[in-house]
Amino acid sequence: MSADAIRVIVVVLALAFGAAFWFAFDPSSSVQVKELEDGSIIGREVPTSADSRAQKLYWLGLAELRENNNSAAEQFYREALHYAPEDYVIIQHLALSQYTQLKLSDAEANFRRVIKLKPDHAPAHIGIGAIAAHAKDYEKASRNHLRAVSLDPHNGLAQWGAGSTLWALGQKDEALPHLREYVRLLPDAKHASKARAWIAQHDRGQELD
């Protein structure tokens, strides 16, 4: 069976069964997307709108996003928002599709739209923190990641964001609890080996003292 045929089947099943389907079957082999899923960034919520057109376009966009076809995903999400302009889940995924294309100003504007609609939505704060870290504005990045941690302490990416940006600021004692929690929550994630190395470096330094 061709890859295109498999994709059609995946989309049809997603439309039929909704978000629960994605927990059982992950069509993407991308470490980046896998980690974003583990961090509850994508695919863990369904659109709040009852509009069937918006929901269908959301699932089509998600299928593209999972295969790193981010430009195509962005177009599906933009079209979905014509039918559900205040659906924070769709806006969050639009922002993510833009972030993965390095359309950072557009992505941040949409993450902020999400926060305006749902202030306690941790993934949007993670998104803003990631954009700030990309620009090496670690103060702004740490503030947003710490906010995400306060909203969702079990979110591994929030913990990594807080720990890595505090580490970059030289606040290593403050970073350690977040790095340890990241490794505990996502032991096989993309940055887990780096986090373990930092933890070991810190612990060795304490032993020398």
C-alpha atoms as a PDB file:
ATOM      1  CA  MET A   1       0.000   0.000   0.000  1.00  0.00           C
ATOM      2  CA  SER A   2       1.355   3.427  -0.916  1.00  0.00           C
ATOM      3  CA  ALA A   3       2.166   6.149   1.618  1.00  0.00           C
ATOM      4  CA  ASP A   4      -0.622   8.323   0.147  1.00  0.00           C
ATOM      5  CA  ALA A   5      -3.145   5.524   0.584  1.00  0.00           C
ATOM      6  CA  ILE A   6      -2.068   5.034   4.188  1.00  0.00           C
ATOM      7  CA  ARG A   7      -2.452   8.749   4.836  1.00  0.00           C
ATOM      8  CA  VAL A   8      -6.024   8.697   3.476  1.00  0.00           C
ATOM      9  CA  ILE A   9      -6.873   5.790   5.781  1.00  0.00           C
ATOM     10  CA  VAL A  10      -5.342   7.607   8.762  1.00  0.00           C
ATOM     11  CA  VAL A  11      -7.348  10.761   8.065  1.00  0.00           C
ATOM     12  CA  VAL A  12     -10.597   8.820   7.600  1.00  0.00           C
ATOM     13  CA  LEU A  13     -10.082   6.985  10.890  1.00  0.00           C
ATOM     14  CA  ALA A  14      -9.203  10.227  12.662  1.00  0.00           C
ATOM     15  CA  LEU A  15     -12.365  11.860  11.385  1.00  0.00           C
ATOM     16  CA  ALA A  16     -14.385   8.846  12.483  1.00  0.00           C
ATOM     17  CA  PHE A  17     -12.935   8.280  15.937  1.00  0.00           C
ATOM     18  CA  GLY A  18     -11.486  11.615  16.979  1.00  0.00           C
ATOM     19  CA  ALA A  19      -8.569  12.336  19.274  1.00  0.00           C
ATOM     20  CA  ALA A  20      -8.556   8.917  20.929  1.00  0.00           C
ATOM     21  CA  PHE A  21      -7.382   7.403  17.645  1.00  0.00           C
ATOM     22  CA  TRP A  22      -4.108   9.314  17.818  1.00  0.00           C
ATOM     23  CA  PHE A  23      -3.252   7.794  21.177  1.00  0.00           C
ATOM     24  CA  ALA A  24      -3.415   4.314  19.636  1.00  0.00           C
ATOM     25  CA  PHE A  25      -1.640   5.020  16.356  1.00  0.00           C
ATOM     26  CA  ASP A  26       1.117   7.510  15.617  1.00  0.00           C
ATOM     27  CA  PRO A  27       1.779   7.772  11.865  1.00  0.00           C
ATOM     28  CA  SER A  28       4.804  10.029  12.352  1.00  0.00           C
ATOM     29  CA  SER A  29       8.354   8.855  12.966  1.00  0.00           C
ATOM     30  CA  SER A  30       9.575  12.378  13.753  1.00  0.00           C
ATOM     31  CA  VAL A  31      11.270  12.738  17.129  1.00  0.00           C
ATOM     32  CA  GLN A  32      10.234  16.387  17.157  1.00  0.00           C
ATOM     33  CA  VAL A  33       6.562  15.639  16.659  1.00  0.00           C
ATOM     34  CA  LYS A  34       6.696  12.697  19.081  1.00  0.00           C
ATOM     35  CA  GLU A  35       8.143  14.944  21.771  1.00  0.00           C
ATOM     36  CA  LEU A  36       5.570  17.649  21.087  1.00  0.00           C
ATOM     37  CA  GLU A  37       2.858  15.041  21.519  1.00  0.00           C
ATOM     38  CA  ASP A  38       4.403  13.773  24.759  1.00  0.00           C
ATOM     39  CA  GLY A  39       4.398  17.377  25.973  1.00  0.00           C
ATOM     40  CA  SER A  40       0.690  17.721  25.208  1.00  0.00           C
ATOM     41  CA  ILE A  41       1.364  20.302  22.508  1.00  0.00           C
ATOM     42  CA  ILE A  42      -0.445  18.675  19.600  1.00  0.00           C
ATOM     43  CA  GLY A  43      -3.300  16.287  19.109  1.00  0.00           C
ATOM     44  CA  ARG A  44      -4.353  16.036  22.762  1.00  0.00           C
ATOM     45  CA  GLU A  45      -7.411  18.267  22.458  1.00  0.00           C
ATOM     46  CA  VAL A  46     -10.262  18.412  20.005  1.00  0.00           C
ATOM     47  CA  PRO A  47     -11.721  21.625  18.566  1.00  0.00           C
ATOM     48  CA  THR A  48     -14.176  23.385  20.817  1.00  0.00           C
ATOM     49  CA  SER A  49     -16.357  24.312  17.855  1.00  0.00           C
ATOM     50  CA  ALA A  50     -19.223  22.015  16.885  1.00  0.00           C
ATOM     51  CA  ASP A  51     -18.879  23.082  13.236  1.00  0.00           C
ATOM     52  CA  SER A  52     -18.223  19.894  11.276  1.00  0.00           C
ATOM     53  CA  ARG A  53     -16.296  21.768   8.586  1.00  0.00           C
ATOM     54  CA  ALA A  54     -13.869  23.201  11.158  1.00  0.00           C
ATOM     55  CA  GLN A  55     -13.419  19.803  12.773  1.00  0.00           C
ATOM     56  CA  LYS A  56     -12.722  18.074   9.457  1.00  0.00           C
ATOM     57  CA  LEU A  57     -10.141  20.699   8.481  1.00  0.00           C
ATOM     58  CA  TYR A  58      -8.531  20.422  11.929  1.00  0.00           C
ATOM     59  CA  TRP A  59      -8.016  16.668  11.513  1.00  0.00           C
ATOM     60  CA  LEU A  60      -6.677  17.107   7.988  1.00  0.00           C
ATOM     61  CA  GLY A  61      -4.251  19.702   9.333  1.00  0.00           C
ATOM     62  CA  LEU A  62      -3.196  17.391  12.131  1.00  0.00           C
ATOM     63  CA  ALA A  63      -2.438  14.606   9.653  1.00  0.00           C
ATOM     64  CA  GLU A  64      -0.174  16.995   7.729  1.00  0.00           C
ATOM     65  CA  LEU A  65       1.459  18.315  10.902  1.00  0.00           C
ATOM     66  CA  ARG A  66       2.298  14.799  12.041  1.00  0.00           C
ATOM     67  CA  GLU A  67       4.140  14.237   8.775  1.00  0.00           C
ATOM     68  CA  ASN A  68       5.950  17.586   9.068  1.00  0.00           C
ATOM     69  CA  ASN A  69       4.033  19.002   6.101  1.00  0.00           C
ATOM     70  CA  ASN A  70       3.747  22.217   8.036  1.00  0.00           C
ATOM     71  CA  SER A  71       2.821  24.593   5.236  1.00  0.00           C
ATOM     72  CA  ALA A  72      -0.079  22.361   4.222  1.00  0.00           C
ATOM     73  CA  ALA A  73      -1.132  22.095   7.879  1.00  0.00           C
ATOM     74  CA  GLU A  74      -1.112  25.875   8.189  1.00  0.00           C
ATOM     75  CA  GLN A  75      -3.472  26.210   5.225  1.00  0.00           C
ATOM     76  CA  PHE A  76      -5.918  23.691   6.683  1.00  0.00           C
ATOM     77  CA  TYR A  77      -5.926  25.522  10.021  1.00  0.00           C
ATOM     78  CA  ARG A  78      -6.416  28.904   8.375  1.00  0.00           C
ATOM     79  CA  GLU A  79      -9.391  27.537   6.489  1.00  0.00           C
ATOM     80  CA  ALA A  80     -10.783  25.923   9.651  1.00  0.00           C
ATOM     81  CA  LEU A  81     -10.711  29.287  11.401  1.00  0.00           C
ATOM     82  CA  HIS A  82     -13.083  30.709   8.798  1.00  0.00           C
ATOM     83  CA  TYR A  83     -15.726  28.445  10.355  1.00  0.00           C
ATOM     84  CA  ALA A  84     -14.544  28.649  13.989  1.00  0.00           C
ATOM     85  CA  PRO A  85     -12.608  31.918  14.436  1.00  0.00           C
ATOM     86  CA  GLU A  86     -12.332  31.667  18.237  1.00  0.00           C
ATOM     87  CA  ASP A  87     -11.495  27.992  18.608  1.00  0.00           C
ATOM     88  CA  TYR A  88      -8.356  28.090  20.736  1.00  0.00           C
ATOM     89  CA  VAL A  89      -7.360  24.518  19.840  1.00  0.00           C
ATOM     90  CA  ILE A  90      -7.281  25.313  16.135  1.00  0.00           C
ATOM     91  CA  ILE A  91      -5.424  28.570  16.762  1.00  0.00           C
ATOM     92  CA  GLN A  92      -2.862  26.695  18.888  1.00  0.00           C
ATOM     93  CA  HIS A  93      -2.208  24.264  16.045  1.00  0.00           C
ATOM     94  CA  LEU A  94      -1.998  27.099  13.524  1.00  0.00           C
ATOM     95  CA  ALA A  95       0.645  28.712  15.739  1.00  0.00           C
ATOM     96  CA  LEU A  96       2.540  25.432  15.974  1.00  0.00           C
ATOM     97  CA  SER A  97       2.502  24.947  12.209  1.00  0.00           C
ATOM     98  CA  GLN A  98       3.935  28.455  11.849  1.00  0.00           C
ATOM     99  CA  TYR A  99       6.543  27.880  14.557  1.00  0.00           C
ATOM    100  CA  THR A 100       7.834  24.782  12.787  1.00  0.00           C
ATOM    101  CA  GLN A 101       8.274  26.900   9.636  1.00  0.00           C
ATOM    102  CA  LEU A 102      10.122  29.569  11.673  1.00  0.00           C
ATOM    103  CA  LYS A 103       7.339  32.095  11.065  1.00  0.00           C
ATOM    104  CA  LEU A 104       8.017  33.189  14.596  1.00  0.00           C
ATOM    105  CA  SER A 105       6.231  36.541  14.741  1.00  0.00           C
ATOM    106  CA  ASP A 106       3.047  35.009  13.293  1.00  0.00           C
ATOM    107  CA  ALA A 107       3.348  32.047  15.651  1.00  0.00           C
ATOM    108  CA  GLU A 108       3.782  34.237  18.725  1.00  0.00           C
ATOM    109  CA  ALA A 109       0.799  36.388  17.746  1.00  0.00           C
ATOM    110  CA  ASN A 110      -1.357  33.275  17.532  1.00  0.00           C
ATOM    111  CA  PHE A 111      -0.043  31.780  20.768  1.00  0.00           C
ATOM    112  CA  ARG A 112      -1.057  35.077  22.371  1.00  0.00           C
ATOM    113  CA  ARG A 113      -4.500  34.774  20.799  1.00  0.00           C
ATOM    114  CA  VAL A 114      -4.811  31.401  22.508  1.00  0.00           C
ATOM    115  CA  ILE A 115      -3.837  32.873  25.884  1.00  0.00           C
ATOM    116  CA  LYS A 116      -6.376  35.666  25.469  1.00  0.00           C
ATOM    117  CA  LEU A 117      -9.091  33.073  24.860  1.00  0.00           C
ATOM    118  CA  LYS A 118      -7.819  30.577  27.465  1.00  0.00           C
ATOM    119  CA  PRO A 119      -5.283  32.114  29.889  1.00  0.00           C
ATOM    120  CA  ASP A 120      -4.542  28.799  31.625  1.00  0.00           C
ATOM    121  CA  HIS A 121      -3.510  26.984  28.429  1.00  0.00           C
ATOM    122  CA  ALA A 122       0.028  25.831  29.213  1.00  0.00           C
ATOM    123  CA  PRO A 123       1.031  24.833  25.644  1.00  0.00           C
ATOM    124  CA  ALA A 124       0.595  28.415  24.425  1.00  0.00           C
ATOM    125  CA  HIS A 125       2.943  29.661  27.149  1.00  0.00           C
ATOM    126  CA  ILE A 126       5.413  26.937  26.117  1.00  0.00           C
ATOM    127  CA  GLY A 127       5.179  28.171  22.536  1.00  0.00           C
ATOM    128  CA  ILE A 128       5.978  31.759  23.479  1.00  0.00           C
ATOM    129  CA  GLY A 129       8.817  30.540  25.674  1.00  0.00           C
ATOM    130  CA  ALA A 130      10.257  28.472  22.831  1.00  0.00           C
ATOM    131  CA  ILE A 131      10.164  31.461  20.481  1.00  0.00           C
ATOM    132  CA  ALA A 132      11.913  33.626  23.079  1.00  0.00           C
ATOM    133  CA  ALA A 133      14.565  30.937  23.605  1.00  0.00           C
ATOM    134  CA  HIS A 134      15.106  30.785  19.848  1.00  0.00           C
ATOM    135  CA  ALA A 135      15.888  34.519  20.011  1.00  0.00           C
ATOM    136  CA  LYS A 136      18.137  33.884  23.058  1.00  0.00           C
ATOM    137  CA  ASP A 137      15.867  36.019  25.241  1.00  0.00           C
ATOM    138  CA  TYR A 138      16.195  33.603  28.136  1.00  0.00           C
ATOM    139  CA  GLU A 139      14.573  35.894  30.695  1.00  0.00           C
ATOM    140  CA  LYS A 140      11.356  36.026  28.666  1.00  0.00           C
ATOM    141  CA  ALA A 141      11.650  32.342  27.843  1.00  0.00           C
ATOM    142  CA  SER A 142      12.034  31.290  31.466  1.00  0.00           C
ATOM    143  CA  ARG A 143       9.079  33.439  32.572  1.00  0.00           C
ATOM    144  CA  ASN A 144       6.783  31.788  30.055  1.00  0.00           C
ATOM    145  CA  HIS A 145       8.008  28.268  30.717  1.00  0.00           C
ATOM    146  CA  LEU A 146       7.704  28.738  34.480  1.00  0.00           C
ATOM    147  CA  ARG A 147       4.165  29.970  33.916  1.00  0.00           C
ATOM    148  CA  ALA A 148       3.482  26.806  31.921  1.00  0.00           C
ATOM    149  CA  VAL A 149       4.923  24.681  34.726  1.00  0.00           C
ATOM    150  CA  SER A 150       2.666  26.417  37.244  1.00  0.00           C
ATOM    151  CA  LEU A 151      -0.341  25.606  35.048  1.00  0.00           C
ATOM    152  CA  ASP A 152       0.670  22.036  34.188  1.00  0.00           C
ATOM    153  CA  PRO A 153       3.531  20.638  36.301  1.00  0.00           C
ATOM    154  CA  HIS A 154       3.236  17.244  34.576  1.00  0.00           C
ATOM    155  CA  ASN A 155       4.055  18.714  31.173  1.00  0.00           C
ATOM    156  CA  GLY A 156       7.528  17.504  30.264  1.00  0.00           C
ATOM    157  CA  LEU A 157       8.219  20.197  27.683  1.00  0.00           C
ATOM    158  CA  ALA A 158       7.318  22.919  30.161  1.00  0.00           C
ATOM    159  CA  GLN A 159       9.774  21.407  32.620  1.00  0.00           C
ATOM    160  CA  TRP A 160      12.493  21.203  29.947  1.00  0.00           C
ATOM    161  CA  GLY A 161      11.859  24.781  28.867  1.00  0.00           C
ATOM    162  CA  ALA A 162      12.064  26.049  32.433  1.00  0.00           C
ATOM    163  CA  GLY A 163      15.152  24.009  33.251  1.00  0.00           C
ATOM    164  CA  SER A 164      17.091  24.751  30.066  1.00  0.00           C
ATOM    165  CA  THR A 165      16.439  28.494  30.113  1.00  0.00           C
ATOM    166  CA  LEU A 166      17.256  28.844  33.799  1.00  0.00           C
ATOM    167  CA  TRP A 167      20.450  26.878  33.091  1.00  0.00           C
ATOM    168  CA  ALA A 168      21.268  29.301  30.252  1.00  0.00           C
ATOM    169  CA  LEU A 169      20.801  32.191  32.686  1.00  0.00           C
ATOM    170  CA  GLY A 170      23.290  30.602  35.073  1.00  0.00           C
ATOM    171  CA  GLN A 171      20.588  29.795  37.636  1.00  0.00           C
ATOM    172  CA  LYS A 172      21.619  26.173  37.835  1.00  0.00           C
ATOM    173  CA  ASP A 173      20.292  25.376  41.294  1.00  0.00           C
ATOM    174  CA  GLU A 174      16.865  26.624  40.207  1.00  0.00           C
ATOM    175  CA  ALA A 175      17.127  24.692  36.939  1.00  0.00           C
ATOM    176  CA  LEU A 176      17.853  21.300  38.495  1.00  0.00           C
ATOM    177  CA  PRO A 177      14.372  20.403  39.789  1.00  0.00           C
ATOM    178  CA  HIS A 178      12.893  21.118  36.371  1.00  0.00           C
ATOM    179  CA  LEU A 179      15.557  19.115  34.549  1.00  0.00           C
ATOM    180  CA  ARG A 180      15.057  16.166  36.891  1.00  0.00           C
ATOM    181  CA  GLU A 181      11.296  16.294  36.388  1.00  0.00           C
ATOM    182  CA  TYR A 182      11.719  16.482  32.599  1.00  0.00           C
ATOM    183  CA  VAL A 183      13.838  13.326  32.615  1.00  0.00           C
ATOM    184  CA  ARG A 184      11.340  11.593  34.876  1.00  0.00           C
ATOM    185  CA  LEU A 185       8.369  12.535  32.702  1.00  0.00           C
ATOM    186  CA  LEU A 186      10.010  12.034  29.291  1.00  0.00           C
ATOM    187  CA  PRO A 187      12.993   9.698  29.801  1.00  0.00           C
ATOM    188  CA  ASP A 188      13.407   8.991  26.077  1.00  0.00           C
ATOM    189  CA  ALA A 189      12.755  12.499  24.799  1.00  0.00           C
ATOM    190  CA  LYS A 190      14.975  14.468  22.462  1.00  0.00           C
ATOM    191  CA  HIS A 191      16.837  16.453  25.127  1.00  0.00           C
ATOM    192  CA  ALA A 192      16.844  13.870  27.913  1.00  0.00           C
ATOM    193  CA  SER A 193      20.507  12.943  27.464  1.00  0.00           C
ATOM    194  CA  LYS A 194      21.525  16.608  27.606  1.00  0.00           C
ATOM    195  CA  ALA A 195      19.445  17.112  30.751  1.00  0.00           C
ATOM    196  CA  ARG A 196      21.087  14.078  32.383  1.00  0.00           C
ATOM    197  CA  ALA A 197      24.530  15.429  31.489  1.00  0.00           C
ATOM    198  CA  TRP A 198      23.737  18.787  33.089  1.00  0.00           C
ATOM    199  CA  ILE A 199      22.368  17.083  36.183  1.00  0.00           C
ATOM    200  CA  ALA A 200      25.510  14.941  36.469  1.00  0.00           C
ATOM    201  CA  GLN A 201      27.730  17.989  35.945  1.00  0.00           C
ATOM    202  CA  HIS A 202      25.915  19.852  38.691  1.00  0.00           C
ATOM    203  CA  ASP A 203      26.056  16.901  41.065  1.00  0.00           C
ATOM    204  CA  ARG A 204      29.794  16.409  40.481  1.00  0.00           C
ATOM    205  CA  GLY A 205      30.367  20.076  41.237  1.00  0.00           C
ATOM    206  CA  GLN A 206      28.502  19.747  44.520  1.00  0.00           C
ATOM    207  CA  GLU A 207      30.586  16.713  45.466  1.00  0.00           C
ATOM    208  CA  LEU A 208      33.789  18.708  44.873  1.00  0.00           C
ATOM    209  CA  ASP A 209      32.528  21.402  47.220  1.00  0.00           C
END
